[in-house]
N, C-alpha and C. Protein backbone atom coordinates (compact mmCIF):
# COMPACT_ATOMS: atom_id res chain seq x y z
N MET A 1 0.97 -1.24 -0.22
CA MET A 1 0.21 0.18 -0.11
C MET A 1 0.79 1.55 0.12
N GLN A 2 0.43 2.28 -0.79
CA GLN A 2 1.14 3.89 -0.42
C GLN A 2 0.70 4.46 0.46
N VAL A 3 1.63 4.93 1.57
CA VAL A 3 1.22 5.80 2.65
C VAL A 3 1.98 6.89 2.01
N VAL A 4 0.96 8.17 2.89
CA VAL A 4 1.50 9.77 3.18
C VAL A 4 1.66 9.95 3.96
N VAL A 5 2.89 11.13 4.54
CA VAL A 5 3.15 11.18 5.51
C VAL A 5 3.39 12.63 5.56
N GLN A 6 1.88 13.03 6.11
CA GLN A 6 2.58 15.02 6.53
C GLN A 6 3.23 15.13 7.58
N HIS A 7 4.29 16.24 7.52
CA HIS A 7 4.92 15.89 8.51
C HIS A 7 4.89 17.69 9.47
N ARG A 8 4.32 18.13 10.41
CA ARG A 8 4.25 19.62 10.73
C ARG A 8 5.73 19.44 11.72
N ILE A 9 6.73 20.51 11.48
CA ILE A 9 8.22 20.03 11.34
C ILE A 9 8.09 21.36 12.71
N SER A 10 8.22 21.27 14.11
CA SER A 10 8.41 21.68 14.97
C SER A 10 10.15 22.24 15.32
N ASP A 11 11.35 21.32 14.86
CA ASP A 11 12.57 21.61 14.82
C ASP A 11 13.33 20.93 13.78
N PRO A 12 13.17 22.23 13.00
CA PRO A 12 13.92 21.85 11.75
C PRO A 12 15.21 21.33 11.92
N GLU A 13 16.23 21.87 12.25
CA GLU A 13 17.72 21.74 12.74
C GLU A 13 17.71 20.02 13.01
N GLU A 14 16.74 19.29 14.09
CA GLU A 14 16.96 18.28 14.24
C GLU A 14 16.15 17.23 13.18
N PHE A 15 14.71 17.72 12.37
CA PHE A 15 14.27 16.73 11.81
C PHE A 15 15.03 16.56 10.74
N PHE A 16 15.86 17.64 9.50
CA PHE A 16 17.09 17.87 8.39
C PHE A 16 17.97 16.91 9.21
N SER A 17 18.13 17.30 10.24
CA SER A 17 19.80 16.57 10.97
C SER A 17 19.99 14.96 9.84
N ALA A 18 18.89 14.57 9.73
CA ALA A 18 18.87 12.94 9.29
C ALA A 18 18.76 13.39 7.81
N ASP A 19 19.87 12.36 7.11
CA ASP A 19 19.80 12.42 5.51
C ASP A 19 18.76 11.66 4.83
N ALA A 20 17.75 12.40 4.24
CA ALA A 20 16.63 11.53 3.83
C ALA A 20 17.28 10.37 2.90
N GLN A 21 18.47 10.33 2.46
CA GLN A 21 18.68 8.89 1.69
C GLN A 21 19.19 7.90 2.57
N GLU A 22 19.67 8.29 3.58
CA GLU A 22 20.07 7.48 5.26
C GLU A 22 18.98 6.80 5.40
N VAL A 23 17.79 7.79 5.55
CA VAL A 23 16.48 7.00 6.35
C VAL A 23 15.77 6.28 5.46
N ALA A 24 16.09 6.54 3.88
CA ALA A 24 15.49 5.44 3.06
C ALA A 24 15.80 4.05 2.79
N GLU A 25 17.43 4.14 3.14
CA GLU A 25 18.31 3.12 2.84
C GLU A 25 17.85 2.60 4.26
N ASN A 26 17.61 2.77 5.49
CA ASN A 26 17.61 2.35 6.47
C ASN A 26 16.31 1.26 6.95
N ALA A 27 15.28 1.73 6.36
CA ALA A 27 13.97 1.53 6.92
C ALA A 27 14.27 -0.31 6.61
N PRO A 28 13.26 -0.97 7.08
CA PRO A 28 12.86 -2.28 7.74
C PRO A 28 12.47 -2.75 6.37
N SER A 29 12.13 -3.88 6.31
CA SER A 29 12.05 -4.95 5.35
C SER A 29 10.26 -4.71 5.23
N GLY A 30 9.43 -4.16 3.90
CA GLY A 30 8.36 -4.06 3.69
C GLY A 30 7.94 -2.70 4.18
N VAL A 31 8.96 -1.69 4.32
CA VAL A 31 8.93 -0.22 3.87
C VAL A 31 9.96 0.09 3.41
N GLN A 32 9.35 1.01 2.02
CA GLN A 32 10.32 1.50 1.13
C GLN A 32 9.66 3.32 1.35
N ALA A 33 10.42 4.03 1.21
CA ALA A 33 10.48 5.18 0.72
C ALA A 33 10.87 5.67 -0.51
N ARG A 34 9.50 6.32 -1.05
CA ARG A 34 9.21 6.64 -2.78
C ARG A 34 9.63 8.07 -3.14
N GLN A 35 9.20 8.80 -2.22
CA GLN A 35 9.08 10.44 -2.26
C GLN A 35 9.27 11.32 -1.22
N PHE A 36 10.12 12.43 -1.36
CA PHE A 36 9.81 13.38 -0.46
C PHE A 36 9.58 14.89 -0.88
N PHE A 37 9.16 15.72 -0.09
CA PHE A 37 8.68 16.93 -0.65
C PHE A 37 8.77 17.90 0.54
N PRO A 38 9.94 18.33 1.19
CA PRO A 38 10.34 19.58 1.38
C PRO A 38 9.82 20.80 1.58
N SER A 39 9.05 21.41 2.41
CA SER A 39 8.64 22.99 2.21
C SER A 39 10.00 23.58 1.92
N GLN A 40 9.56 24.65 1.11
CA GLN A 40 10.74 25.63 1.46
C GLN A 40 11.73 26.39 2.73
N ASP A 41 10.53 26.44 3.18
CA ASP A 41 10.88 27.17 4.82
C ASP A 41 11.27 26.29 5.72
N ARG A 42 10.73 24.76 5.48
CA ARG A 42 11.05 23.99 6.38
C ARG A 42 10.18 23.43 7.26
N SER A 43 8.73 24.14 7.47
CA SER A 43 7.88 23.88 8.63
C SER A 43 7.17 23.12 8.44
N THR A 44 6.91 22.37 6.98
CA THR A 44 6.48 21.27 6.66
C THR A 44 7.12 20.35 5.77
N ALA A 45 6.69 19.28 5.49
CA ALA A 45 7.45 18.48 4.50
C ALA A 45 5.95 17.17 4.23
N VAL A 46 6.06 16.47 3.58
CA VAL A 46 5.49 15.36 2.81
C VAL A 46 6.21 14.34 2.15
N CYS A 47 6.00 13.13 2.29
CA CYS A 47 6.68 11.84 1.55
C CYS A 47 5.25 11.09 1.56
N LEU A 48 5.95 10.54 0.56
CA LEU A 48 5.23 8.89 0.20
C LEU A 48 6.11 8.11 0.46
N TRP A 49 4.98 6.78 1.05
CA TRP A 49 6.00 5.42 1.39
C TRP A 49 5.30 4.13 1.14
N GLU A 50 5.66 3.08 0.30
CA GLU A 50 5.27 2.16 -0.29
C GLU A 50 5.10 0.76 1.44
N GLY A 51 4.30 0.66 2.31
CA GLY A 51 4.35 -0.31 3.15
C GLY A 51 3.47 -1.52 3.01
N ASP A 52 3.85 -2.15 4.04
CA ASP A 52 2.67 -3.62 4.03
C ASP A 52 1.05 -3.40 5.19
N SER A 53 1.95 -1.63 5.90
CA SER A 53 0.80 -1.11 6.75
C SER A 53 0.93 0.21 6.75
N ILE A 54 0.00 1.12 7.38
CA ILE A 54 0.19 1.95 8.02
C ILE A 54 1.05 1.85 9.07
N ASP A 55 0.67 1.41 10.10
CA ASP A 55 1.22 1.36 11.12
C ASP A 55 3.10 0.74 11.11
N ALA A 56 3.24 -0.33 9.76
CA ALA A 56 4.49 -0.41 9.50
C ALA A 56 5.90 0.96 9.42
N VAL A 57 4.37 1.60 8.79
CA VAL A 57 5.15 2.86 7.99
C VAL A 57 5.14 3.70 9.00
N ARG A 58 4.57 3.44 9.81
CA ARG A 58 4.39 4.57 11.17
C ARG A 58 5.66 4.52 12.24
N SER A 59 5.50 2.79 12.59
CA SER A 59 6.57 2.97 13.39
C SER A 59 7.87 3.37 13.29
N TYR A 60 8.30 3.02 12.03
CA TYR A 60 9.45 3.63 11.29
C TYR A 60 9.78 5.09 11.17
N VAL A 61 8.91 5.59 10.86
CA VAL A 61 9.01 6.97 10.53
C VAL A 61 9.24 7.78 11.71
N ASP A 62 8.16 7.19 12.83
CA ASP A 62 8.06 7.76 14.11
C ASP A 62 9.34 7.83 15.02
N SER A 63 10.35 6.42 14.65
CA SER A 63 11.55 6.32 15.52
C SER A 63 12.37 7.29 14.61
N VAL A 64 12.13 7.85 13.53
CA VAL A 64 13.06 8.60 12.78
C VAL A 64 13.39 10.25 13.23
N THR A 65 11.63 10.60 13.15
CA THR A 65 11.93 11.99 13.16
C THR A 65 11.59 12.25 14.80
N GLY A 66 10.91 11.07 15.60
CA GLY A 66 10.74 11.51 16.66
C GLY A 66 10.38 12.54 17.22
N ASP A 67 10.40 13.74 18.39
CA ASP A 67 9.57 15.00 18.69
C ASP A 67 10.03 16.29 17.85
N SER A 68 10.42 16.00 16.55
CA SER A 68 10.84 17.04 15.96
C SER A 68 9.90 17.22 15.01
N SER A 69 8.92 16.79 14.96
CA SER A 69 7.49 16.74 13.98
C SER A 69 6.12 16.14 14.11
N GLN A 70 4.95 16.75 13.93
CA GLN A 70 4.04 15.94 14.13
C GLN A 70 3.21 15.46 13.19
N ASN A 71 3.71 13.95 12.97
CA ASN A 71 3.25 13.27 11.81
C ASN A 71 1.88 12.81 11.58
N THR A 72 0.85 12.89 10.53
CA THR A 72 0.12 12.30 10.11
C THR A 72 -0.49 11.44 9.00
N TYR A 73 -0.74 10.40 8.94
CA TYR A 73 -0.64 9.02 8.17
C TYR A 73 -1.76 9.11 7.40
N PHE A 74 -1.87 8.86 6.04
CA PHE A 74 -3.11 8.09 5.49
C PHE A 74 -2.76 7.24 4.23
N GLU A 75 -3.60 5.96 4.19
CA GLU A 75 -3.47 5.41 2.89
C GLU A 75 -3.92 5.98 1.27
N VAL A 76 -3.32 5.71 0.65
CA VAL A 76 -3.53 6.76 -0.55
C VAL A 76 -4.44 5.92 -1.34
N ASP A 77 -5.54 6.40 -1.72
CA ASP A 77 -6.73 5.91 -2.90
C ASP A 77 -5.70 6.04 -4.38
N ALA A 78 -5.16 4.67 -4.71
CA ALA A 78 -4.59 4.09 -5.67
C ALA A 78 -5.31 4.35 -7.21
N GLU A 79 -7.23 4.09 -6.77
CA GLU A 79 -8.11 4.57 -8.01
C GLU A 79 -7.91 6.02 -8.60
N LEU A 80 -7.95 6.57 -6.99
CA LEU A 80 -8.46 8.58 -8.01
C LEU A 80 -6.71 8.86 -7.68
N ALA A 81 -5.81 8.65 -7.41
CA ALA A 81 -4.49 9.12 -6.89
C ALA A 81 -3.92 9.52 -8.25
N MET A 82 -3.36 10.75 -8.94
CA MET A 82 -2.34 10.86 -10.10
C MET A 82 -0.99 10.58 -9.81
N GLY A 83 0.12 9.95 -10.51
CA GLY A 83 1.46 10.05 -10.35
C GLY A 83 2.23 9.22 -9.31
N LEU A 84 1.03 8.38 -8.86
CA LEU A 84 1.77 7.36 -7.82
C LEU A 84 2.91 6.61 -8.82
N PRO A 85 4.27 6.69 -8.13
CA PRO A 85 5.06 5.48 -9.08
C PRO A 85 4.58 3.89 -9.11
N GLU A 86 5.31 3.30 -9.86
CA GLU A 86 5.42 2.03 -10.34
C GLU A 86 5.13 1.58 -8.77
N ALA A 87 4.27 0.42 -8.38
CA ALA A 87 4.80 -0.18 -7.10
C ALA A 87 6.07 -1.10 -7.00
N ALA A 88 7.20 -1.21 -5.97
CA ALA A 88 7.94 -2.06 -6.05
C ALA A 88 7.70 -3.30 -6.65
N SER A 89 6.88 -3.72 -5.50
CA SER A 89 6.78 -5.13 -5.83
C SER A 89 6.18 -5.69 -7.33
N ALA A 90 5.54 -4.45 -8.40
CA ALA A 90 5.14 -4.93 -9.80
C ALA A 90 6.45 -5.09 -10.43
N ARG A 91 7.95 -4.40 -10.00
CA ARG A 91 8.76 -4.79 -10.57
C ARG A 91 9.83 -5.72 -10.51
N ALA A 92 9.46 -6.32 -9.55
CA ALA A 92 9.93 -7.84 -9.08
C ALA A 92 9.80 -9.05 -9.46
């Protein structure tokens, strides 16, 4: 499933101290970072993850972001979405 995470960033220095590429590479099995979109002022960010469940994505992302942001999660309705990347499982 595709999961969007909306970050309301309270501590930009802490939030952006983690390298996005490293965060993606260190994700557990069944969780994959797909896209990351930070705002110009670094107060918000949105990212797209692929995961076995919202809880799997939440568990990892919350562990990485800690108290630096308040995160909101939702499953993407793939039938209505535009521009979703091809699912990783479809390429295997």
